[in-house]
Every structure is written in C-alpha cells, then in structure tokens.
PDB file of all heavy atoms in Angstrom:
ATOM      1  N   ALA A   1      26.659 123.479  70.868  1.00  0.00           N
ATOM      2  CA  ALA A   1      27.675 122.514  70.593  1.00  0.00           C
ATOM      3  C   ALA A   1      28.865 123.114  69.865  1.00  0.00           C
ATOM      4  O   ALA A   1      30.042 122.863  70.209  1.00  0.00           O
ATOM      5  CB  ALA A   1      27.090 121.388  69.731  1.00  0.00           C
ATOM      6  N   HIS A   2      28.597 123.985  68.926  1.00  0.00           N
ATOM      7  CA  HIS A   2      29.696 124.666  68.220  1.00  0.00           C
ATOM      8  C   HIS A   2      30.464 125.606  69.141  1.00  0.00           C
ATOM      9  O   HIS A   2      31.688 125.767  68.994  1.00  0.00           O
ATOM     10  CB  HIS A   2      29.124 125.417  66.983  1.00  0.00           C
ATOM     11  CG  HIS A   2      28.793 124.476  65.865  1.00  0.00           C
ATOM     12  ND1 HIS A   2      28.438 124.919  64.633  1.00  0.00           N
ATOM     13  CD2 HIS A   2      28.763 123.127  65.782  1.00  0.00           C
ATOM     14  CE1 HIS A   2      28.154 123.890  63.851  1.00  0.00           C
ATOM     15  NE2 HIS A   2      28.354 122.783  64.517  1.00  0.00           N
ATOM     16  N   ALA A   3      29.760 126.207  70.091  1.00  0.00           N
ATOM     17  CA  ALA A   3      30.462 127.063  71.079  1.00  0.00           C
ATOM     18  C   ALA A   3      31.365 126.246  71.988  1.00  0.00           C
ATOM     19  O   ALA A   3      32.509 126.689  72.308  1.00  0.00           O
ATOM     20  CB  ALA A   3      29.455 127.839  71.948  1.00  0.00           C
ATOM     21  N   ILE A   4      30.932 125.039  72.282  1.00  0.00           N
ATOM     22  CA  ILE A   4      31.782 124.133  73.076  1.00  0.00           C
ATOM     23  C   ILE A   4      32.997 123.699  72.286  1.00  0.00           C
ATOM     24  O   ILE A   4      34.150 123.726  72.796  1.00  0.00           O
ATOM     25  CB  ILE A   4      30.953 122.894  73.511  1.00  0.00           C
ATOM     26  CG1 ILE A   4      29.899 123.259  74.491  1.00  0.00           C
ATOM     27  CG2 ILE A   4      31.862 121.808  74.050  1.00  0.00           C
ATOM     28  CD1 ILE A   4      28.844 122.179  74.710  1.00  0.00           C
ATOM     29  N   LEU A   5      32.824 123.378  71.023  1.00  0.00           N
ATOM     30  CA  LEU A   5      33.947 123.022  70.163  1.00  0.00           C
ATOM     31  C   LEU A   5      34.927 124.157  70.005  1.00  0.00           C
ATOM     32  O   LEU A   5      36.122 124.012  70.037  1.00  0.00           O
ATOM     33  CB  LEU A   5      33.404 122.552  68.806  1.00  0.00           C
ATOM     34  CG  LEU A   5      32.774 121.132  68.770  1.00  0.00           C
ATOM     35  CD1 LEU A   5      31.825 120.983  67.562  1.00  0.00           C
ATOM     36  CD2 LEU A   5      33.886 120.056  68.718  1.00  0.00           C
ATOM     37  N   ASP A   6      34.394 125.391  69.828  1.00  0.00           N
ATOM     38  CA  ASP A   6      35.222 126.539  69.683  1.00  0.00           C
ATOM     39  C   ASP A   6      36.106 126.769  70.943  1.00  0.00           C
ATOM     40  O   ASP A   6      37.292 127.019  70.819  1.00  0.00           O
ATOM     41  CB  ASP A   6      34.375 127.801  69.473  1.00  0.00           C
ATOM     42  CG  ASP A   6      33.767 127.897  68.072  1.00  0.00           C
ATOM     43  OD1 ASP A   6      34.275 127.188  67.176  1.00  0.00           O
ATOM     44  OD2 ASP A   6      32.759 128.597  67.911  1.00  0.00           O
ATOM     45  N   LYS A   7      35.482 126.649  72.109  1.00  0.00           N
ATOM     46  CA  LYS A   7      36.224 126.883  73.328  1.00  0.00           C
ATOM     47  C   LYS A   7      37.313 125.806  73.517  1.00  0.00           C
ATOM     48  O   LYS A   7      38.457 126.151  73.905  1.00  0.00           O
ATOM     49  CB  LYS A   7      35.282 126.898  74.529  1.00  0.00           C
ATOM     50  CG  LYS A   7      35.966 127.205  75.847  1.00  0.00           C
ATOM     51  CD  LYS A   7      35.044 127.675  76.932  1.00  0.00           C
ATOM     52  CE  LYS A   7      35.777 128.065  78.176  1.00  0.00           C
ATOM     53  NZ  LYS A   7      34.926 128.734  79.160  1.00  0.00           N
ATOM     54  N   ALA A   8      37.009 124.573  73.263  1.00  0.00           N
ATOM     55  CA  ALA A   8      38.026 123.506  73.389  1.00  0.00           C
ATOM     56  C   ALA A   8      39.160 123.754  72.401  1.00  0.00           C
ATOM     57  O   ALA A   8      40.333 123.586  72.782  1.00  0.00           O
ATOM     58  CB  ALA A   8      37.371 122.170  73.154  1.00  0.00           C
ATOM     59  N   ALA A   9      38.795 124.057  71.144  1.00  0.00           N
ATOM     60  CA  ALA A   9      39.837 124.291  70.138  1.00  0.00           C
ATOM     61  C   ALA A   9      40.731 125.463  70.505  1.00  0.00           C
ATOM     62  O   ALA A   9      41.964 125.448  70.323  1.00  0.00           O
ATOM     63  CB  ALA A   9      39.213 124.505  68.767  1.00  0.00           C
ATOM     64  N   ASP A  10      40.121 126.556  71.035  1.00  0.00           N
ATOM     65  CA  ASP A  10      40.907 127.731  71.423  1.00  0.00           C
ATOM     66  C   ASP A  10      41.900 127.421  72.546  1.00  0.00           C
ATOM     67  O   ASP A  10      42.942 128.038  72.684  1.00  0.00           O
ATOM     68  CB  ASP A  10      39.979 128.847  71.889  1.00  0.00           C
ATOM     69  CG  ASP A  10      39.215 129.484  70.731  1.00  0.00           C
ATOM     70  OD1 ASP A  10      39.608 129.258  69.557  1.00  0.00           O
ATOM     71  OD2 ASP A  10      38.232 130.189  71.039  1.00  0.00           O
ATOM     72  N   ALA A  11      41.555 126.377  73.347  1.00  0.00           N
ATOM     73  CA  ALA A  11      42.451 125.958  74.440  1.00  0.00           C
ATOM     74  C   ALA A  11      43.518 124.978  74.003  1.00  0.00           C
ATOM     75  O   ALA A  11      44.323 124.546  74.803  1.00  0.00           O
ATOM     76  CB  ALA A  11      41.589 125.365  75.600  1.00  0.00           C
ATOM     77  N   GLY A  12      43.479 124.575  72.722  1.00  0.00           N
ATOM     78  CA  GLY A  12      44.489 123.702  72.149  1.00  0.00           C
ATOM     79  C   GLY A  12      44.083 122.224  72.065  1.00  0.00           C
ATOM     80  O   GLY A  12      44.871 121.353  71.778  1.00  0.00           O
ATOM     81  N   VAL A  13      42.775 121.914  72.376  1.00  0.00           N
ATOM     82  CA  VAL A  13      42.309 120.545  72.211  1.00  0.00           C
ATOM     83  C   VAL A  13      42.225 120.220  70.703  1.00  0.00           C
ATOM     84  O   VAL A  13      41.615 120.941  69.942  1.00  0.00           O
ATOM     85  CB  VAL A  13      40.895 120.409  72.828  1.00  0.00           C
ATOM     86  CG1 VAL A  13      40.357 119.004  72.507  1.00  0.00           C
ATOM     87  CG2 VAL A  13      40.940 120.587  74.332  1.00  0.00           C
ATOM     88  N   THR A  14      42.903 119.151  70.351  1.00  0.00           N
ATOM     89  CA  THR A  14      42.958 118.756  68.921  1.00  0.00           C
ATOM     90  C   THR A  14      42.317 117.376  68.715  1.00  0.00           C
ATOM     91  O   THR A  14      42.355 116.839  67.615  1.00  0.00           O
ATOM     92  CB  THR A  14      44.424 118.716  68.424  1.00  0.00           C
ATOM     93  OG1 THR A  14      45.162 117.790  69.252  1.00  0.00           O
ATOM     94  CG2 THR A  14      45.060 120.090  68.439  1.00  0.00           C
ATOM     95  N   PHE A  15      41.740 116.774  69.745  1.00  0.00           N
ATOM     96  CA  PHE A  15      41.219 115.440  69.704  1.00  0.00           C
ATOM     97  C   PHE A  15      39.755 115.465  70.015  1.00  0.00           C
ATOM     98  O   PHE A  15      39.286 115.975  71.032  1.00  0.00           O
ATOM     99  CB  PHE A  15      42.009 114.661  70.763  1.00  0.00           C
ATOM    100  CG  PHE A  15      41.897 113.134  70.711  1.00  0.00           C
ATOM    101  CD1 PHE A  15      41.274 112.496  69.609  1.00  0.00           C
ATOM    102  CD2 PHE A  15      42.361 112.357  71.710  1.00  0.00           C
ATOM    103  CE1 PHE A  15      41.161 111.119  69.519  1.00  0.00           C
ATOM    104  CE2 PHE A  15      42.279 110.967  71.671  1.00  0.00           C
ATOM    105  CZ  PHE A  15      41.714 110.355  70.579  1.00  0.00           C
ATOM    106  N   ILE A  16      38.899 114.945  69.125  1.00  0.00           N
ATOM    107  CA  ILE A  16      37.474 114.953  69.248  1.00  0.00           C
ATOM    108  C   ILE A  16      36.947 113.525  69.109  1.00  0.00           C
ATOM    109  O   ILE A  16      37.317 112.825  68.186  1.00  0.00           O
ATOM    110  CB  ILE A  16      36.837 115.840  68.134  1.00  0.00           C
ATOM    111  CG1 ILE A  16      37.329 117.272  68.190  1.00  0.00           C
ATOM    112  CG2 ILE A  16      35.301 115.797  68.226  1.00  0.00           C
ATOM    113  CD1 ILE A  16      36.932 118.131  67.024  1.00  0.00           C
ATOM    114  N   ASP A  17      36.087 113.166  70.082  1.00  0.00           N
ATOM    115  CA  ASP A  17      35.553 111.804  70.122  1.00  0.00           C
ATOM    116  C   ASP A  17      34.045 111.861  69.988  1.00  0.00           C
ATOM    117  O   ASP A  17      33.345 112.606  70.667  1.00  0.00           O
ATOM    118  CB  ASP A  17      35.908 111.076  71.393  1.00  0.00           C
ATOM    119  CG  ASP A  17      35.377 109.678  71.472  1.00  0.00           C
ATOM    120  OD1 ASP A  17      35.860 108.811  70.716  1.00  0.00           O
ATOM    121  OD2 ASP A  17      34.429 109.435  72.207  1.00  0.00           O
ATOM    122  N   THR A  18      33.480 111.018  69.088  1.00  0.00           N
ATOM    123  CA  THR A  18      32.051 110.971  68.928  1.00  0.00           C
ATOM    124  C   THR A  18      31.663 109.505  68.669  1.00  0.00           C
ATOM    125  O   THR A  18      32.448 108.590  68.890  1.00  0.00           O
ATOM    126  CB  THR A  18      31.587 111.903  67.762  1.00  0.00           C
ATOM    127  OG1 THR A  18      30.169 111.976  67.743  1.00  0.00           O
ATOM    128  CG2 THR A  18      32.085 111.420  66.394  1.00  0.00           C
ATOM    129  N   ALA A  19      30.381 109.274  68.277  1.00  0.00           N
ATOM    130  CA  ALA A  19      29.902 107.901  67.994  1.00  0.00           C
ATOM    131  C   ALA A  19      28.659 107.984  67.118  1.00  0.00           C
ATOM    132  O   ALA A  19      27.930 108.986  67.168  1.00  0.00           O
ATOM    133  CB  ALA A  19      29.601 107.146  69.289  1.00  0.00           C
ATOM    134  N   ASP A  20      28.417 106.916  66.397  1.00  0.00           N
ATOM    135  CA  ASP A  20      27.268 106.919  65.483  1.00  0.00           C
ATOM    136  C   ASP A  20      25.947 106.867  66.213  1.00  0.00           C
ATOM    137  O   ASP A  20      24.875 107.183  65.630  1.00  0.00           O
ATOM    138  CB  ASP A  20      27.391 105.843  64.423  1.00  0.00           C
ATOM    139  CG  ASP A  20      27.413 104.449  64.963  1.00  0.00           C
ATOM    140  OD1 ASP A  20      27.340 104.234  66.230  1.00  0.00           O
ATOM    141  OD2 ASP A  20      27.513 103.471  64.179  1.00  0.00           O
ATOM    142  N   VAL A  21      25.891 106.418  67.454  1.00  0.00           N
ATOM    143  CA  VAL A  21      24.638 106.356  68.248  1.00  0.00           C
ATOM    144  C   VAL A  21      24.329 107.675  68.943  1.00  0.00           C
ATOM    145  O   VAL A  21      23.223 107.827  69.483  1.00  0.00           O
ATOM    146  CB  VAL A  21      24.601 105.207  69.252  1.00  0.00           C
ATOM    147  CG1 VAL A  21      24.695 103.869  68.562  1.00  0.00           C
ATOM    148  CG2 VAL A  21      25.768 105.369  70.246  1.00  0.00           C
ATOM    149  N   TYR A  22      25.247 108.561  69.022  1.00  0.00           N
ATOM    150  CA  TYR A  22      24.985 109.807  69.738  1.00  0.00           C
ATOM    151  C   TYR A  22      23.992 110.679  69.016  1.00  0.00           C
ATOM    152  O   TYR A  22      23.937 110.654  67.794  1.00  0.00           O
ATOM    153  CB  TYR A  22      26.284 110.587  69.951  1.00  0.00           C
ATOM    154  CG  TYR A  22      27.292 109.935  70.868  1.00  0.00           C
ATOM    155  CD1 TYR A  22      28.654 110.359  70.880  1.00  0.00           C
ATOM    156  CD2 TYR A  22      26.932 108.876  71.754  1.00  0.00           C
ATOM    157  CE1 TYR A  22      29.582 109.828  71.726  1.00  0.00           C
ATOM    158  CE2 TYR A  22      27.913 108.310  72.562  1.00  0.00           C
ATOM    159  CZ  TYR A  22      29.195 108.769  72.580  1.00  0.00           C
ATOM    160  OH  TYR A  22      30.131 108.212  73.401  1.00  0.00           O
ATOM    161  N   PRO A  23      23.195 111.454  69.772  1.00  0.00           N
ATOM    162  CA  PRO A  23      23.434 111.959  71.134  1.00  0.00           C
ATOM    163  C   PRO A  23      22.997 110.956  72.236  1.00  0.00           C
ATOM    164  O   PRO A  23      22.111 110.129  72.011  1.00  0.00           O
ATOM    165  CB  PRO A  23      22.561 113.230  71.207  1.00  0.00           C
ATOM    166  CG  PRO A  23      21.405 112.986  70.272  1.00  0.00           C
ATOM    167  CD  PRO A  23      22.045 112.193  69.139  1.00  0.00           C
ATOM    168  N   LEU A  24      23.629 111.097  73.399  1.00  0.00           N
ATOM    169  CA  LEU A  24      23.339 110.248  74.538  1.00  0.00           C
ATOM    170  C   LEU A  24      21.879 110.366  74.865  1.00  0.00           C
ATOM    171  O   LEU A  24      21.299 111.460  74.969  1.00  0.00           O
ATOM    172  CB  LEU A  24      24.152 110.693  75.733  1.00  0.00           C
ATOM    173  CG  LEU A  24      23.857 109.983  77.059  1.00  0.00           C
ATOM    174  CD1 LEU A  24      24.367 108.560  77.001  1.00  0.00           C
ATOM    175  CD2 LEU A  24      24.438 110.737  78.208  1.00  0.00           C
ATOM    176  N   GLY A  25      21.206 109.183  75.008  1.00  0.00           N
ATOM    177  CA  GLY A  25      19.815 109.167  75.368  1.00  0.00           C
ATOM    178  C   GLY A  25      18.878 109.361  74.213  1.00  0.00           C
ATOM    179  O   GLY A  25      17.671 109.351  74.393  1.00  0.00           O
ATOM    180  N   GLY A  26      19.390 109.526  72.998  1.00  0.00           N
ATOM    181  CA  GLY A  26      18.569 109.721  71.837  1.00  0.00           C
ATOM    182  C   GLY A  26      18.007 108.401  71.335  1.00  0.00           C
ATOM    183  O   GLY A  26      18.445 107.328  71.650  1.00  0.00           O
ATOM    184  N   SER A  27      17.030 108.513  70.497  1.00  0.00           N
ATOM    185  CA  SER A  27      16.390 107.274  69.866  1.00  0.00           C
ATOM    186  C   SER A  27      17.123 106.926  68.586  1.00  0.00           C
ATOM    187  O   SER A  27      17.998 107.674  68.123  1.00  0.00           O
ATOM    188  CB  SER A  27      14.924 107.594  69.549  1.00  0.00           C
ATOM    189  OG  SER A  27      14.844 108.580  68.560  1.00  0.00           O
ATOM    190  N   GLU A  28      16.766 105.801  68.049  1.00  0.00           N
ATOM    191  CA  GLU A  28      17.352 105.411  66.728  1.00  0.00           C
ATOM    192  C   GLU A  28      17.041 106.420  65.647  1.00  0.00           C
ATOM    193  O   GLU A  28      17.851 106.631  64.763  1.00  0.00           O
ATOM    194  CB  GLU A  28      16.790 104.042  66.295  1.00  0.00           C
ATOM    195  CG  GLU A  28      17.173 102.857  67.186  1.00  0.00           C
ATOM    196  CD  GLU A  28      16.442 101.613  66.849  1.00  0.00           C
ATOM    197  OE1 GLU A  28      15.932 101.502  65.677  1.00  0.00           O
ATOM    198  OE2 GLU A  28      16.341 100.733  67.709  1.00  0.00           O
ATOM    199  N   ASP A  29      15.981 107.148  65.813  1.00  0.00           N
ATOM    200  CA  ASP A  29      15.573 108.131  64.794  1.00  0.00           C
ATOM    201  C   ASP A  29      16.554 109.331  64.712  1.00  0.00           C
ATOM    202  O   ASP A  29      16.675 109.940  63.661  1.00  0.00           O
ATOM    203  CB  ASP A  29      14.191 108.689  65.114  1.00  0.00           C
ATOM    204  CG  ASP A  29      13.105 107.656  64.967  1.00  0.00           C
ATOM    205  OD1 ASP A  29      13.332 106.659  64.277  1.00  0.00           O
ATOM    206  OD2 ASP A  29      11.987 107.831  65.555  1.00  0.00           O
ATOM    207  N   ILE A  30      17.237 109.604  65.785  1.00  0.00           N
ATOM    208  CA  ILE A  30      18.159 110.749  65.769  1.00  0.00           C
ATOM    209  C   ILE A  30      19.621 110.286  65.936  1.00  0.00           C
ATOM    210  O   ILE A  30      20.535 111.152  66.061  1.00  0.00           O
ATOM    211  CB  ILE A  30      17.811 111.795  66.873  1.00  0.00           C
ATOM    212  CG1 ILE A  30      17.945 111.192  68.268  1.00  0.00           C
ATOM    213  CG2 ILE A  30      16.429 112.325  66.644  1.00  0.00           C
ATOM    214  CD1 ILE A  30      17.853 112.238  69.341  1.00  0.00           C
ATOM    215  N   ALA A  31      19.836 108.941  65.924  1.00  0.00           N
ATOM    216  CA  ALA A  31      21.227 108.464  65.933  1.00  0.00           C
ATOM    217  C   ALA A  31      21.985 109.070  64.787  1.00  0.00           C
ATOM    218  O   ALA A  31      21.528 109.048  63.622  1.00  0.00           O
ATOM    219  CB  ALA A  31      21.211 106.961  65.905  1.00  0.00           C
ATOM    220  N   GLY A  32      23.148 109.570  65.010  1.00  0.00           N
ATOM    221  CA  GLY A  32      23.944 110.168  63.953  1.00  0.00           C
ATOM    222  C   GLY A  32      23.851 111.703  63.939  1.00  0.00           C
ATOM    223  O   GLY A  32      24.717 112.381  63.305  1.00  0.00           O
ATOM    224  N   ARG A  33      22.959 112.286  64.703  1.00  0.00           N
ATOM    225  CA  ARG A  33      22.822 113.744  64.731  1.00  0.00           C
ATOM    226  C   ARG A  33      24.098 114.375  65.267  1.00  0.00           C
ATOM    227  O   ARG A  33      24.489 115.395  64.760  1.00  0.00           O
ATOM    228  CB  ARG A  33      21.609 114.157  65.602  1.00  0.00           C
ATOM    229  CG  ARG A  33      21.400 115.619  65.690  1.00  0.00           C
ATOM    230  CD  ARG A  33      20.261 115.962  66.628  1.00  0.00           C
ATOM    231  NE  ARG A  33      18.960 115.551  66.130  1.00  0.00           N
ATOM    232  CZ  ARG A  33      17.825 115.698  66.782  1.00  0.00           C
ATOM    233  NH1 ARG A  33      17.835 116.224  68.000  1.00  0.00           N
ATOM    234  NH2 ARG A  33      16.680 115.281  66.229  1.00  0.00           N
ATOM    235  N   THR A  34      24.738 113.769  66.278  1.00  0.00           N
ATOM    236  CA  THR A  34      25.962 114.352  66.804  1.00  0.00           C
ATOM    237  C   THR A  34      27.077 114.419  65.761  1.00  0.00           C
ATOM    238  O   THR A  34      27.750 115.418  65.637  1.00  0.00           O
ATOM    239  CB  THR A  34      26.404 113.531  68.006  1.00  0.00           C
ATOM    240  OG1 THR A  34      25.381 113.519  69.028  1.00  0.00           O
ATOM    241  CG2 THR A  34      27.672 114.105  68.597  1.00  0.00           C
ATOM    242  N   GLU A  35      27.226 113.306  65.014  1.00  0.00           N
ATOM    243  CA  GLU A  35      28.234 113.334  63.945  1.00  0.00           C
ATOM    244  C   GLU A  35      27.977 114.417  62.937  1.00  0.00           C
ATOM    245  O   GLU A  35      28.906 115.101  62.429  1.00  0.00           O
ATOM    246  CB  GLU A  35      28.324 111.950  63.280  1.00  0.00           C
ATOM    247  CG  GLU A  35      28.936 110.884  64.139  1.00  0.00           C
ATOM    248  CD  GLU A  35      29.009 109.549  63.403  1.00  0.00           C
ATOM    249  OE1 GLU A  35      28.113 109.255  62.601  1.00  0.00           O
ATOM    250  OE2 GLU A  35      29.994 108.791  63.652  1.00  0.00           O
ATOM    251  N   GLU A  36      26.743 114.651  62.643  1.00  0.00           N
ATOM    252  CA  GLU A  36      26.376 115.701  61.670  1.00  0.00           C
ATOM    253  C   GLU A  36      26.756 117.065  62.214  1.00  0.00           C
ATOM    254  O   GLU A  36      27.291 117.911  61.481  1.00  0.00           O
ATOM    255  CB  GLU A  36      24.868 115.669  61.395  1.00  0.00           C
ATOM    256  CG  GLU A  36      24.466 114.408  60.591  1.00  0.00           C
ATOM    257  CD  GLU A  36      22.928 114.300  60.428  1.00  0.00           C
ATOM    258  OE1 GLU A  36      22.210 115.062  61.125  1.00  0.00           O
ATOM    259  OE2 GLU A  36      22.513 113.464  59.604  1.00  0.00           O
ATOM    260  N   ILE A  37      26.521 117.307  63.508  1.00  0.00           N
ATOM    261  CA  ILE A  37      26.837 118.537  64.104  1.00  0.00           C
ATOM    262  C   ILE A  37      28.372 118.803  64.116  1.00  0.00           C
ATOM    263  O   ILE A  37      28.872 119.893  63.792  1.00  0.00           O
ATOM    264  CB  ILE A  37      26.264 118.645  65.512  1.00  0.00           C
ATOM    265  CG1 ILE A  37      24.722 118.772  65.451  1.00  0.00           C
ATOM    266  CG2 ILE A  37      26.840 119.848  66.315  1.00  0.00           C
ATOM    267  CD1 ILE A  37      24.082 118.625  66.813  1.00  0.00           C
ATOM    268  N   VAL A  38      29.079 117.743  64.480  1.00  0.00           N
ATOM    269  CA  VAL A  38      30.532 117.814  64.489  1.00  0.00           C
ATOM    270  C   VAL A  38      31.034 118.043  63.055  1.00  0.00           C
ATOM    271  O   VAL A  38      31.951 118.850  62.793  1.00  0.00           O
ATOM    272  CB  VAL A  38      31.132 116.533  65.061  1.00  0.00           C
ATOM    273  CG1 VAL A  38      32.699 116.526  64.911  1.00  0.00           C
ATOM    274  CG2 VAL A  38      30.787 116.440  66.563  1.00  0.00           C
ATOM    275  N   GLY A  39      30.448 117.322  62.110  1.00  0.00           N
ATOM    276  CA  GLY A  39      30.884 117.473  60.721  1.00  0.00           C
ATOM    277  C   GLY A  39      30.719 118.881  60.131  1.00  0.00           C
ATOM    278  O   GLY A  39      31.633 119.364  59.448  1.00  0.00           O
ATOM    279  N   ARG A  40      29.635 119.509  60.505  1.00  0.00           N
ATOM    280  CA  ARG A  40      29.418 120.885  60.018  1.00  0.00           C
ATOM    281  C   ARG A  40      30.465 121.852  60.635  1.00  0.00           C
ATOM    282  O   ARG A  40      30.898 122.779  60.016  1.00  0.00           O
ATOM    283  CB  ARG A  40      27.986 121.333  60.308  1.00  0.00           C
ATOM    284  CG  ARG A  40      26.988 120.704  59.348  1.00  0.00           C
ATOM    285  CD  ARG A  40      25.612 121.310  59.465  1.00  0.00           C
ATOM    286  NE  ARG A  40      24.902 120.860  60.657  1.00  0.00           N
ATOM    287  CZ  ARG A  40      24.097 119.787  60.694  1.00  0.00           C
ATOM    288  NH1 ARG A  40      23.924 119.056  59.585  1.00  0.00           N
ATOM    289  NH2 ARG A  40      23.422 119.447  61.752  1.00  0.00           N
ATOM    290  N   TRP A  41      30.808 121.567  61.900  1.00  0.00           N
ATOM    291  CA  TRP A  41      31.824 122.445  62.543  1.00  0.00           C
ATOM    292  C   TRP A  41      33.210 122.217  61.950  1.00  0.00           C
ATOM    293  O   TRP A  41      34.017 123.127  61.841  1.00  0.00           O
ATOM    294  CB  TRP A  41      31.848 122.142  64.049  1.00  0.00           C
ATOM    295  CG  TRP A  41      32.786 123.023  64.811  1.00  0.00           C
ATOM    296  CD1 TRP A  41      32.587 124.274  65.321  1.00  0.00           C
ATOM    297  CD2 TRP A  41      34.141 122.695  65.188  1.00  0.00           C
ATOM    298  NE1 TRP A  41      33.718 124.767  65.956  1.00  0.00           N
ATOM    299  CE2 TRP A  41      34.693 123.789  65.904  1.00  0.00           C
ATOM    300  CE3 TRP A  41      34.931 121.568  64.968  1.00  0.00           C
ATOM    301  CZ2 TRP A  41      35.986 123.812  66.370  1.00  0.00           C
ATOM    302  CZ3 TRP A  41      36.260 121.594  65.477  1.00  0.00           C
ATOM    303  CH2 TRP A  41      36.744 122.681  66.149  1.00  0.00           C
TER     304      TRP A  41
END
C-alpha cells in the first residue's frame, strides 16, 4: 500500500480517498485498517 501511495505521489497525485469501512470486503473487525495504513504513510 505504501509503495502504491509513493508511486501516485511521485506522479503528482495530491488527492487521496478512503473510508472508515475499508478495506473492501473486510469485516467489522478490521474496519478502519485502511485509514490506519494511510495515516502512517
């Protein structure tokens, strides 16, 4: 995920979209994991 963010940023992408229920297909137990990954990056 961080490699994806790096590549997008290097190309000039400045806009990032996420959601509190992500990752896609995840259960309630892991809802929010995506935001945590984005936050650390």
